[in-house]
Amino acid sequence: MTDHTGRAGLEREELYAVAHEFDELRTEISVPGAPSGLPNLTTASKQLATLAGLTKDLSEAVRYSAEYDSPELDLGLVIDAYTSASVPAGRAMENYTQAYAQLGSLRRFAEAPATADLRDARLAAFCVFQERMIYVRDDLKEAANTLRGSADRIDGTPPRILAALSRSARPTNSIYRIPPEPNAPAPTPTRLADTPAPRHAR
């Protein structure tokens, strides 16, 4: 049997680490107060790629946890943390791509002759970008807080101590399963009411 003591701490640290990466990206993204403060396409492309990478990291963490099968561990809490964070992360992606499109539009008409309609279009593109960046920063903050909050709630009580606790005293937020009692009978499969019992060969 593998000794998983300390696994809760490792999962907690990983959640904190991913939350920190969302925080770091948020500090790199600013909301421009004027068109002169718009990021160039190179900077925006790097930020969008980073955000896409973080979103992929969430799904990879879920895939790994879902595929990791161990009778001693229940990684449902960890999976829930990553899938919950994927919601604001997905919104951040949507909002950033909307802002990204505005930069592309501004680039397309950067050298066009100035007209009243073009000035209005440029101002509208800037306003959309500004609004979407506010949303992106809020989304990144929510993703980080979701991961961090889940990490805070993971209980690290060692499995042997869990086994010694009474049922009412056992924490419900532990990733460890209660070790089976020695010589405990193997669980029998549950038969649905409308399922006929198996016929034994004579």
Protein backbone atom coordinates (compact mmCIF):
# COMPACT_ATOMS: atom_id res chain seq x y z
CA MET A 1 0.00 0.00 0.00
CA THR A 2 1.38 3.42 -0.96
CA ASP A 3 1.92 5.87 1.87
CA HIS A 4 0.00 9.01 0.89
CA THR A 5 0.75 10.91 4.10
CA GLY A 6 1.54 14.47 3.09
CA ARG A 7 -0.43 14.29 -0.15
CA ALA A 8 -2.94 16.85 1.17
CA GLY A 9 -0.11 19.33 1.69
CA LEU A 10 1.18 18.76 -1.83
CA GLU A 11 -2.25 19.27 -3.37
CA ARG A 12 -2.73 22.40 -1.26
CA GLU A 13 0.62 23.84 -2.37
CA GLU A 14 -0.21 23.17 -6.03
CA LEU A 15 -3.52 24.99 -5.71
CA TYR A 16 -1.76 27.96 -4.11
CA ALA A 17 0.85 27.93 -6.89
CA VAL A 18 -1.73 28.05 -9.67
CA ALA A 19 -3.63 30.79 -7.82
CA HIS A 20 -0.39 32.78 -7.64
CA GLU A 21 0.05 32.45 -11.42
CA PHE A 22 -3.40 33.94 -11.96
CA ASP A 23 -2.49 36.76 -9.58
CA GLU A 24 0.74 37.40 -11.45
CA LEU A 25 -1.01 37.67 -14.79
CA ARG A 26 -3.54 40.06 -13.26
CA THR A 27 -0.74 42.38 -12.12
CA GLU A 28 0.62 42.44 -15.69
CA ILE A 29 -2.72 43.49 -17.15
CA SER A 30 -3.71 47.11 -16.71
CA VAL A 31 -6.81 49.07 -17.66
CA PRO A 32 -5.76 51.97 -19.92
CA GLY A 33 -7.18 55.36 -19.06
CA ALA A 34 -6.61 56.73 -22.56
CA PRO A 35 -5.96 55.32 -26.06
CA SER A 36 -2.28 56.10 -25.60
CA GLY A 37 -2.20 53.48 -22.84
CA LEU A 38 -3.33 50.60 -25.04
CA PRO A 39 -0.87 47.68 -25.10
CA ASN A 40 0.76 46.76 -28.38
CA LEU A 41 -0.23 43.56 -30.13
CA THR A 42 2.96 41.77 -29.06
CA THR A 43 2.25 42.39 -25.38
CA ALA A 44 -1.42 41.51 -25.72
CA SER A 45 -0.57 38.31 -27.62
CA LYS A 46 1.80 37.20 -24.86
CA GLN A 47 -0.80 37.89 -22.18
CA LEU A 48 -3.49 36.02 -24.08
CA ALA A 49 -1.13 33.07 -24.58
CA THR A 50 -0.36 33.04 -20.86
CA LEU A 51 -4.05 33.07 -20.02
CA ALA A 52 -4.70 30.23 -22.45
CA GLY A 53 -1.86 28.29 -20.82
CA LEU A 54 -3.31 28.78 -17.35
CA THR A 55 -6.72 27.62 -18.53
CA LYS A 56 -5.10 24.54 -20.04
CA ASP A 57 -3.25 23.90 -16.78
CA LEU A 58 -6.60 23.72 -14.99
CA SER A 59 -7.92 21.08 -17.36
CA GLU A 60 -4.67 19.12 -17.19
CA ALA A 61 -4.83 19.12 -13.40
CA VAL A 62 -8.39 17.82 -13.55
CA ARG A 63 -7.45 15.13 -16.07
CA TYR A 64 -4.55 13.93 -13.93
CA SER A 65 -6.63 13.86 -10.75
CA ALA A 66 -9.50 12.08 -12.49
CA GLU A 67 -7.19 9.42 -13.94
CA TYR A 68 -5.32 8.88 -10.68
CA ASP A 69 -7.11 5.96 -9.07
CA SER A 70 -6.21 5.08 -5.50
CA PRO A 71 -8.34 3.42 -2.82
CA GLU A 72 -6.63 5.61 -0.21
CA LEU A 73 -7.39 8.98 -1.81
CA ASP A 74 -10.49 10.87 -2.78
CA LEU A 75 -9.44 13.79 -4.98
CA GLY A 76 -12.98 15.08 -5.46
CA LEU A 77 -12.17 18.24 -3.50
CA VAL A 78 -9.16 18.95 -5.68
CA ILE A 79 -11.06 18.30 -8.90
CA ASP A 80 -13.87 20.59 -7.76
CA ALA A 81 -11.36 23.37 -7.06
CA TYR A 82 -9.92 23.27 -10.57
CA THR A 83 -13.25 22.89 -12.37
CA SER A 84 -14.74 25.75 -10.35
CA ALA A 85 -11.79 28.00 -11.21
CA SER A 86 -12.19 27.14 -14.89
CA VAL A 87 -15.45 29.12 -14.97
CA PRO A 88 -13.93 32.56 -14.28
CA ALA A 89 -10.83 31.54 -16.26
CA GLY A 90 -13.06 30.84 -19.26
CA ARG A 91 -14.77 34.19 -18.86
CA ALA A 92 -11.37 35.88 -18.72
CA MET A 93 -10.48 34.20 -22.01
CA GLU A 94 -13.71 35.37 -23.62
CA ASN A 95 -13.28 38.94 -22.40
CA TYR A 96 -9.63 39.11 -23.41
CA THR A 97 -10.33 37.83 -26.92
CA GLN A 98 -13.03 40.49 -27.30
CA ALA A 99 -10.51 43.15 -26.29
CA TYR A 100 -7.88 41.54 -28.52
CA ALA A 101 -10.16 41.92 -31.53
CA GLN A 102 -10.37 45.66 -30.87
CA LEU A 103 -6.60 45.95 -31.07
CA GLY A 104 -6.66 44.14 -34.40
CA SER A 105 -9.28 46.52 -35.72
CA LEU A 106 -7.30 49.56 -34.60
CA ARG A 107 -4.20 48.15 -36.28
CA ARG A 108 -6.08 47.59 -39.52
CA PHE A 109 -7.16 51.22 -39.81
CA ALA A 110 -4.10 52.78 -38.17
CA GLU A 111 -2.96 54.46 -41.39
CA ALA A 112 -6.38 55.25 -42.83
CA PRO A 113 -7.25 58.91 -43.49
CA ALA A 114 -8.79 60.54 -40.44
CA THR A 115 -12.52 61.04 -40.69
CA ALA A 116 -15.24 61.71 -38.14
CA ASP A 117 -16.56 58.15 -38.53
CA LEU A 118 -13.08 56.68 -38.06
CA ARG A 119 -12.49 58.74 -34.93
CA ASP A 120 -15.79 57.48 -33.51
CA ALA A 121 -14.87 53.91 -34.41
CA ARG A 122 -11.47 54.21 -32.75
CA LEU A 123 -13.03 55.66 -29.61
CA ALA A 124 -15.62 52.87 -29.53
CA ALA A 125 -12.88 50.25 -29.92
CA PHE A 126 -10.94 51.80 -27.06
CA CYS A 127 -14.02 51.86 -24.80
CA VAL A 128 -14.72 48.19 -25.51
CA PHE A 129 -11.10 47.30 -24.79
CA GLN A 130 -11.14 49.28 -21.54
CA GLU A 131 -14.36 47.65 -20.36
CA ARG A 132 -13.20 44.14 -21.23
CA MET A 133 -9.91 44.59 -19.37
CA ILE A 134 -11.84 45.50 -16.24
CA TYR A 135 -13.76 42.24 -16.62
CA VAL A 136 -10.57 40.26 -17.30
CA ARG A 137 -8.94 41.50 -14.12
CA ASP A 138 -12.07 40.68 -12.12
CA ASP A 139 -12.21 37.19 -13.66
CA LEU A 140 -8.56 36.50 -12.89
CA LYS A 141 -9.06 37.61 -9.30
CA GLU A 142 -12.06 35.31 -8.94
CA ALA A 143 -10.13 32.35 -10.36
CA ALA A 144 -7.24 32.94 -7.95
CA ASN A 145 -9.56 33.36 -4.97
CA THR A 146 -11.46 30.19 -5.89
CA LEU A 147 -8.27 28.14 -5.98
CA ARG A 148 -6.89 29.71 -2.83
CA GLY A 149 -10.15 29.23 -0.94
CA SER A 150 -10.29 25.57 -1.91
CA ALA A 151 -6.69 25.10 -0.79
CA ASP A 152 -7.49 26.67 2.57
CA ARG A 153 -10.30 24.17 3.11
CA ILE A 154 -8.36 20.98 2.37
CA ASP A 155 -7.84 19.02 5.59
CA GLY A 156 -4.50 17.33 6.12
CA THR A 157 -5.35 14.98 8.98
CA PRO A 158 -3.27 11.82 8.38
CA PRO A 159 -5.23 8.69 7.42
CA ARG A 160 -4.30 6.78 10.59
CA ILE A 161 -5.64 9.60 12.75
CA LEU A 162 -8.80 9.75 10.66
CA ALA A 163 -9.37 6.08 11.37
CA ALA A 164 -9.08 6.70 15.12
CA LEU A 165 -11.62 9.52 15.14
CA SER A 166 -15.30 8.97 15.71
CA ARG A 167 -17.51 9.33 12.67
CA SER A 168 -18.88 12.66 13.89
CA ALA A 169 -15.38 14.06 14.49
CA ARG A 170 -13.93 13.15 11.10
CA PRO A 171 -13.47 16.14 8.80
CA THR A 172 -15.55 16.05 5.65
CA ASN A 173 -12.97 18.05 3.70
CA SER A 174 -10.17 15.48 3.74
CA ILE A 175 -8.73 13.96 0.57
CA TYR A 176 -7.94 10.77 2.50
CA ARG A 177 -10.30 7.85 2.68
CA ILE A 178 -10.71 5.98 5.94
CA PRO A 179 -8.47 2.89 5.88
CA PRO A 180 -10.53 -0.33 5.84
CA GLU A 181 -10.64 -2.30 9.06
CA PRO A 182 -8.54 -5.50 9.14
CA ASN A 183 -10.48 -8.62 8.17
CA ALA A 184 -13.45 -6.52 7.14
CA PRO A 185 -15.76 -8.39 4.75
CA ALA A 186 -15.52 -7.32 1.14
CA PRO A 187 -18.43 -5.11 0.08
CA THR A 188 -21.11 -6.90 -1.88
CA PRO A 189 -22.39 -5.33 -5.08
CA THR A 190 -25.67 -3.48 -4.74
CA ARG A 191 -28.50 -5.10 -6.70
CA LEU A 192 -31.26 -2.91 -8.07
CA ALA A 193 -34.77 -3.90 -7.13
CA ASP A 194 -35.72 -4.81 -10.69
CA THR A 195 -32.50 -6.74 -11.39
CA PRO A 196 -32.87 -10.51 -11.09
CA ALA A 197 -30.45 -12.27 -8.81
CA PRO A 198 -27.69 -14.21 -10.63
CA ARG A 199 -28.45 -17.90 -11.17
CA HIS A 200 -25.77 -20.21 -9.80
CA ALA A 201 -24.59 -23.09 -11.91
CA ARG A 202 -25.53 -26.53 -10.59
